[in-house]
């Protein structure tokens, strides 16, 4: 291999490494955003109060003949 070929190969390898670093950073950021959204949704579900004063027998049977 000549010097130009070696330089092109080294540049290509460095460029590939940089692209992978950027892709990993973007992936981690998207995972952080998804985790924050999931946490927010879970907090919203947990803060929802149950319906007040409903009898305990509601929701125990399903009408399958309707």
PDB file of N, CA and C in Angstrom:
ATOM      1  N   UNK A   1       0.837  -1.182   0.000  1.00  0.00           N
ATOM      2  CA  UNK A   1       0.000   0.000   0.000  1.00  0.00           C
ATOM      3  C   UNK A   1       0.878   1.240   0.000  1.00  0.00           C
ATOM      4  N   UNK A   2       0.451   2.225  -0.726  1.00  0.00           N
ATOM      5  CA  UNK A   2       1.211   3.468  -0.746  1.00  0.00           C
ATOM      6  C   UNK A   2       0.734   4.402   0.373  1.00  0.00           C
ATOM      7  N   UNK A   3       1.397   5.495   0.540  1.00  0.00           N
ATOM      8  CA  UNK A   3       1.095   6.425   1.632  1.00  0.00           C
ATOM      9  C   UNK A   3      -0.297   7.026   1.495  1.00  0.00           C
ATOM     10  N   UNK A   4      -0.733   7.283   0.266  1.00  0.00           N
ATOM     11  CA  UNK A   4      -2.047   7.870   0.049  1.00  0.00           C
ATOM     12  C   UNK A   4      -3.137   6.874   0.436  1.00  0.00           C
ATOM     13  N   UNK A   5      -2.955   5.618   0.100  1.00  0.00           N
ATOM     14  CA  UNK A   5      -3.915   4.580   0.454  1.00  0.00           C
ATOM     15  C   UNK A   5      -4.033   4.413   1.964  1.00  0.00           C
ATOM     16  N   UNK A   6      -2.902   4.452   2.632  1.00  0.00           N
ATOM     17  CA  UNK A   6      -2.895   4.328   4.086  1.00  0.00           C
ATOM     18  C   UNK A   6      -3.591   5.532   4.726  1.00  0.00           C
ATOM     19  N   UNK A   7      -3.356   6.715   4.201  1.00  0.00           N
ATOM     20  CA  UNK A   7      -3.986   7.923   4.733  1.00  0.00           C
ATOM     21  C   UNK A   7      -5.500   7.869   4.533  1.00  0.00           C
ATOM     22  N   UNK A   8      -5.931   7.401   3.346  1.00  0.00           N
ATOM     23  CA  UNK A   8      -7.373   7.280   3.087  1.00  0.00           C
ATOM     24  C   UNK A   8      -8.013   6.274   4.032  1.00  0.00           C
ATOM     25  N   UNK A   9      -7.344   5.151   4.260  1.00  0.00           N
ATOM     26  CA  UNK A   9      -7.859   4.133   5.171  1.00  0.00           C
ATOM     27  C   UNK A   9      -7.962   4.673   6.594  1.00  0.00           C
ATOM     28  N   UNK A  10      -6.931   5.373   7.054  1.00  0.00           N
ATOM     29  CA  UNK A  10      -6.942   5.940   8.402  1.00  0.00           C
ATOM     30  C   UNK A  10      -8.060   6.967   8.540  1.00  0.00           C
ATOM     31  N   UNK A  11      -8.240   7.791   7.523  1.00  0.00           N
ATOM     32  CA  UNK A  11      -9.308   8.791   7.552  1.00  0.00           C
ATOM     33  C   UNK A  11     -10.671   8.120   7.569  1.00  0.00           C
ATOM     34  N   UNK A  12     -10.827   7.081   6.794  1.00  0.00           N
ATOM     35  CA  UNK A  12     -12.091   6.350   6.736  1.00  0.00           C
ATOM     36  C   UNK A  12     -12.410   5.701   8.085  1.00  0.00           C
ATOM     37  N   UNK A  13     -11.413   5.112   8.702  1.00  0.00           N
ATOM     38  CA  UNK A  13     -11.609   4.476  10.012  1.00  0.00           C
ATOM     39  C   UNK A  13     -11.977   5.528  11.056  1.00  0.00           C
ATOM     40  N   UNK A  14     -11.304   6.667  11.061  1.00  0.00           N
ATOM     41  CA  UNK A  14     -11.603   7.734  12.019  1.00  0.00           C
ATOM     42  C   UNK A  14     -12.999   8.288  11.783  1.00  0.00           C
ATOM     43  N   UNK A  15     -13.381   8.439  10.514  1.00  0.00           N
ATOM     44  CA  UNK A  15     -14.710   8.957  10.179  1.00  0.00           C
ATOM     45  C   UNK A  15     -15.798   7.988  10.637  1.00  0.00           C
ATOM     46  N   UNK A  16     -15.561   6.694  10.465  1.00  0.00           N
ATOM     47  CA  UNK A  16     -16.521   5.684  10.907  1.00  0.00           C
ATOM     48  C   UNK A  16     -16.673   5.722  12.424  1.00  0.00           C
ATOM     49  N   UNK A  17     -15.568   5.872  13.130  1.00  0.00           N
ATOM     50  CA  UNK A  17     -15.619   5.964  14.585  1.00  0.00           C
ATOM     51  C   UNK A  17     -16.401   7.180  15.043  1.00  0.00           C
ATOM     52  N   UNK A  18     -16.215   8.302  14.361  1.00  0.00           N
ATOM     53  CA  UNK A  18     -16.944   9.519  14.707  1.00  0.00           C
ATOM     54  C   UNK A  18     -18.432   9.346  14.457  1.00  0.00           C
ATOM     55  N   UNK A  19     -18.790   8.742  13.341  1.00  0.00           N
ATOM     56  CA  UNK A  19     -20.201   8.498  13.037  1.00  0.00           C
ATOM     57  C   UNK A  19     -20.838   7.597  14.089  1.00  0.00           C
ATOM     58  N   UNK A  20     -20.112   6.589  14.516  1.00  0.00           N
ATOM     59  CA  UNK A  20     -20.641   5.691  15.541  1.00  0.00           C
ATOM     60  C   UNK A  20     -20.812   6.422  16.872  1.00  0.00           C
ATOM     61  N   UNK A  21     -19.880   7.279  17.213  1.00  0.00           N
ATOM     62  CA  UNK A  21     -19.994   8.052  18.453  1.00  0.00           C
ATOM     63  C   UNK A  21     -21.217   8.964  18.416  1.00  0.00           C
ATOM     64  N   UNK A  22     -21.452   9.596  17.280  1.00  0.00           N
ATOM     65  CA  UNK A  22     -22.613  10.474  17.138  1.00  0.00           C
ATOM     66  C   UNK A  22     -23.904   9.655  17.209  1.00  0.00           C
ATOM     67  N   UNK A  23     -23.935   8.509  16.556  1.00  0.00           N
ATOM     68  CA  UNK A  23     -25.130   7.663  16.572  1.00  0.00           C
ATOM     69  C   UNK A  23     -25.434   7.181  17.992  1.00  0.00           C
ATOM     70  N   UNK A  24     -24.423   6.823  18.729  1.00  0.00           N
ATOM     71  CA  UNK A  24     -24.619   6.369  20.113  1.00  0.00           C
ATOM     72  C   UNK A  24     -25.114   7.521  20.988  1.00  0.00           C
ATOM     73  N   UNK A  25     -24.584   8.709  20.784  1.00  0.00           N
ATOM     74  CA  UNK A  25     -25.033   9.868  21.562  1.00  0.00           C
ATOM     75  C   UNK A  25     -26.499  10.182  21.274  1.00  0.00           C
ATOM     76  N   UNK A  26     -26.892  10.107  20.006  1.00  0.00           N
ATOM     77  CA  UNK A  26     -28.289  10.355  19.644  1.00  0.00           C
ATOM     78  C   UNK A  26     -29.187   9.277  20.240  1.00  0.00           C
ATOM     79  N   UNK A  27     -28.752   8.039  20.201  1.00  0.00           N
ATOM     80  CA  UNK A  27     -29.527   6.940  20.783  1.00  0.00           C
ATOM     81  C   UNK A  27     -29.722   7.141  22.286  1.00  0.00           C
ATOM     82  N   UNK A  28     -28.664   7.502  22.986  1.00  0.00           N
ATOM     83  CA  UNK A  28     -28.764   7.723  24.429  1.00  0.00           C
ATOM     84  C   UNK A  28     -29.707   8.885  24.741  1.00  0.00           C
ATOM     85  N   UNK A  29     -29.640   9.940  23.942  1.00  0.00           N
ATOM     86  CA  UNK A  29     -30.528  11.088  24.162  1.00  0.00           C
ATOM     87  C   UNK A  29     -31.981  10.685  23.936  1.00  0.00           C
ATOM     88  N   UNK A  30     -32.253   9.907  22.901  1.00  0.00           N
ATOM     89  CA  UNK A  30     -33.630   9.473  22.651  1.00  0.00           C
ATOM     90  C   UNK A  30     -34.120   8.547  23.758  1.00  0.00           C
ATOM     91  N   UNK A  31     -33.251   7.720  24.301  1.00  0.00           N
ATOM     92  CA  UNK A  31     -33.637   6.867  25.422  1.00  0.00           C
ATOM     93  C   UNK A  31     -33.952   7.703  26.661  1.00  0.00           C
ATOM     94  N   UNK A  32     -33.179   8.762  26.885  1.00  0.00           N
ATOM     95  CA  UNK A  32     -33.454   9.648  28.021  1.00  0.00           C
ATOM     96  C   UNK A  32     -34.808  10.330  27.859  1.00  0.00           C
ATOM     97  N   UNK A  33     -35.109  10.769  26.647  1.00  0.00           N
ATOM     98  CA  UNK A  33     -36.394  11.427  26.387  1.00  0.00           C
ATOM     99  C   UNK A  33     -37.542  10.444  26.584  1.00  0.00           C
ATOM    100  N   UNK A  34     -37.377   9.215  26.101  1.00  0.00           N
ATOM    101  CA  UNK A  34     -38.419   8.202  26.268  1.00  0.00           C
ATOM    102  C   UNK A  34     -38.607   7.847  27.741  1.00  0.00           C
ATOM    103  N   UNK A  35     -37.532   7.772  28.486  1.00  0.00           N
ATOM    104  CA  UNK A  35     -37.638   7.461  29.910  1.00  0.00           C
ATOM    105  C   UNK A  35     -38.366   8.581  30.651  1.00  0.00           C
ATOM    106  N   UNK A  36     -38.075   9.812  30.294  1.00  0.00           N
ATOM    107  CA  UNK A  36     -38.755  10.943  30.930  1.00  0.00           C
ATOM    108  C   UNK A  36     -40.244  10.926  30.600  1.00  0.00           C
ATOM    109  N   UNK A  37     -40.586  10.625  29.340  1.00  0.00           N
ATOM    110  CA  UNK A  37     -41.991  10.567  28.947  1.00  0.00           C
ATOM    111  C   UNK A  37     -42.714   9.427  29.665  1.00  0.00           C
ATOM    112  N   UNK A  38     -42.060   8.281  29.786  1.00  0.00           N
ATOM    113  CA  UNK A  38     -42.669   7.148  30.486  1.00  0.00           C
ATOM    114  C   UNK A  38     -42.882   7.464  31.964  1.00  0.00           C
ATOM    115  N   UNK A  39     -41.918   8.116  32.574  1.00  0.00           N
ATOM    116  CA  UNK A  39     -42.050   8.504  33.979  1.00  0.00           C
ATOM    117  C   UNK A  39     -43.205   9.479  34.160  1.00  0.00           C
ATOM    118  N   UNK A  40     -43.316  10.419  33.246  1.00  0.00           N
ATOM    119  CA  UNK A  40     -44.398  11.398  33.315  1.00  0.00           C
ATOM    120  C   UNK A  40     -45.756  10.723  33.159  1.00  0.00           C
ATOM    121  N   UNK A  41     -45.859   9.763  32.253  1.00  0.00           N
ATOM    122  CA  UNK A  41     -47.116   9.041  32.055  1.00  0.00           C
ATOM    123  C   UNK A  41     -47.465   8.215  33.290  1.00  0.00           C
ATOM    124  N   UNK A  42     -46.484   7.556  33.888  1.00  0.00           N
ATOM    125  CA  UNK A  42     -46.740   6.766  35.087  1.00  0.00           C
ATOM    126  C   UNK A  42     -47.189   7.641  36.246  1.00  0.00           C
ATOM    127  N   UNK A  43     -46.586   8.800  36.385  1.00  0.00           N
ATOM    128  CA  UNK A  43     -46.999   9.716  37.438  1.00  0.00           C
ATOM    129  C   UNK A  43     -48.425  10.209  37.211  1.00  0.00           C
ATOM    130  N   UNK A  44     -48.787  10.427  35.951  1.00  0.00           N
ATOM    131  CA  UNK A  44     -50.137  10.885  35.643  1.00  0.00           C
ATOM    132  C   UNK A  44     -51.162   9.800  35.961  1.00  0.00           C
ATOM    133  N   UNK A  45     -50.822   8.554  35.682  1.00  0.00           N
ATOM    134  CA  UNK A  45     -51.738   7.449  35.962  1.00  0.00           C
ATOM    135  C   UNK A  45     -51.876   7.246  37.466  1.00  0.00           C
ATOM    136  N   UNK A  46     -50.781   7.334  38.183  1.00  0.00           N
ATOM    137  CA  UNK A  46     -50.810   7.127  39.624  1.00  0.00           C
ATOM    138  C   UNK A  46     -51.552   8.245  40.345  1.00  0.00           C
ATOM    139  N   UNK A  47     -51.511   9.449  39.799  1.00  0.00           N
ATOM    140  CA  UNK A  47     -52.170  10.559  40.467  1.00  0.00           C
ATOM    141  C   UNK A  47     -53.669  10.596  40.189  1.00  0.00           C
ATOM    142  N   UNK A  48     -54.140   9.819  39.222  1.00  0.00           N
ATOM    143  CA  UNK A  48     -55.572   9.781  38.932  1.00  0.00           C
ATOM    144  C   UNK A  48     -56.291   9.101  40.099  1.00  0.00           C
ATOM    145  N   UNK A  49     -57.247   9.787  40.647  1.00  0.00           N
ATOM    146  CA  UNK A  49     -57.984   9.260  41.802  1.00  0.00           C
ATOM    147  C   UNK A  49     -59.056   8.285  41.323  1.00  0.00           C
ATOM    148  N   UNK A  50     -59.308   7.227  42.085  1.00  0.00           N
ATOM    149  CA  UNK A  50     -60.370   6.295  41.698  1.00  0.00           C
ATOM    150  C   UNK A  50     -61.736   6.980  41.817  1.00  0.00           C
ATOM    151  N   UNK A  51     -62.712   6.446  41.106  1.00  0.00           N
ATOM    152  CA  UNK A  51     -64.060   7.013  41.144  1.00  0.00           C
ATOM    153  C   UNK A  51     -64.618   6.887  42.560  1.00  0.00           C
ATOM    154  N   UNK A  52     -65.155   7.955  43.109  1.00  0.00           N
ATOM    155  CA  UNK A  52     -65.622   7.926  44.498  1.00  0.00           C
ATOM    156  C   UNK A  52     -66.972   7.225  44.642  1.00  0.00           C
ATOM    157  N   UNK A  53     -67.151   6.581  45.774  1.00  0.00           N
ATOM    158  CA  UNK A  53     -68.435   6.024  46.212  1.00  0.00           C
ATOM    159  C   UNK A  53     -69.058   5.006  45.250  1.00  0.00           C
ATOM    160  N   UNK A  54     -68.259   4.204  44.612  1.00  0.00           N
ATOM    161  CA  UNK A  54     -68.814   3.149  43.768  1.00  0.00           C
ATOM    162  C   UNK A  54     -68.907   1.865  44.577  1.00  0.00           C
ATOM    163  N   UNK A  55     -69.970   1.098  44.374  1.00  0.00           N
ATOM    164  CA  UNK A  55     -70.098  -0.165  45.105  1.00  0.00           C
ATOM    165  C   UNK A  55     -68.993  -1.147  44.714  1.00  0.00           C
ATOM    166  N   UNK A  56     -68.577  -1.998  45.638  1.00  0.00           N
ATOM    167  CA  UNK A  56     -67.468  -2.917  45.358  1.00  0.00           C
ATOM    168  C   UNK A  56     -67.809  -3.999  44.340  1.00  0.00           C
ATOM    169  N   UNK A  57     -69.097  -4.262  44.069  1.00  0.00           N
ATOM    170  CA  UNK A  57     -69.457  -5.326  43.140  1.00  0.00           C
ATOM    171  C   UNK A  57     -69.375  -4.884  41.675  1.00  0.00           C
ATOM    172  N   UNK A  58     -69.214  -3.602  41.415  1.00  0.00           N
ATOM    173  CA  UNK A  58     -69.138  -3.129  40.038  1.00  0.00           C
ATOM    174  C   UNK A  58     -67.854  -3.601  39.371  1.00  0.00           C
ATOM    175  N   UNK A  59     -67.979  -4.073  38.158  1.00  0.00           N
ATOM    176  CA  UNK A  59     -66.821  -4.510  37.396  1.00  0.00           C
ATOM    177  C   UNK A  59     -66.448  -5.959  37.595  1.00  0.00           C
ATOM    178  N   UNK A  60     -67.249  -6.723  38.350  1.00  0.00           N
ATOM    179  CA  UNK A  60     -66.925  -8.120  38.607  1.00  0.00           C
ATOM    180  C   UNK A  60     -67.538  -9.063  37.575  1.00  0.00           C
ATOM    181  N   UNK A  61     -68.560  -8.632  36.841  1.00  0.00           N
ATOM    182  CA  UNK A  61     -69.232  -9.489  35.875  1.00  0.00           C
ATOM    183  C   UNK A  61     -69.288  -8.808  34.520  1.00  0.00           C
ATOM    184  N   UNK A  62     -69.221  -9.644  33.476  1.00  0.00           N
ATOM    185  CA  UNK A  62     -69.313  -9.139  32.109  1.00  0.00           C
ATOM    186  C   UNK A  62     -70.561  -9.696  31.464  1.00  0.00           C
ATOM    187  N   UNK A  63     -71.397  -8.833  30.890  1.00  0.00           N
ATOM    188  CA  UNK A  63     -72.626  -9.249  30.216  1.00  0.00           C
ATOM    189  C   UNK A  63     -72.253  -9.702  28.802  1.00  0.00           C
ATOM    190  N   UNK A  64     -72.323 -11.012  28.587  1.00  0.00           N
ATOM    191  CA  UNK A  64     -71.942 -11.561  27.280  1.00  0.00           C
ATOM    192  C   UNK A  64     -73.140 -11.807  26.387  1.00  0.00           C
ATOM    193  N   UNK A  65     -74.346 -11.484  26.827  1.00  0.00           N
ATOM    194  CA  UNK A  65     -75.527 -11.727  26.002  1.00  0.00           C
ATOM    195  C   UNK A  65     -76.037 -10.456  25.338  1.00  0.00           C
ATOM    196  N   UNK A  66     -75.388  -9.365  25.552  1.00  0.00           N
ATOM    197  CA  UNK A  66     -75.857  -8.085  25.002  1.00  0.00           C
ATOM    198  C   UNK A  66     -75.638  -8.033  23.508  1.00  0.00           C
TER     199      UNK A  66
END
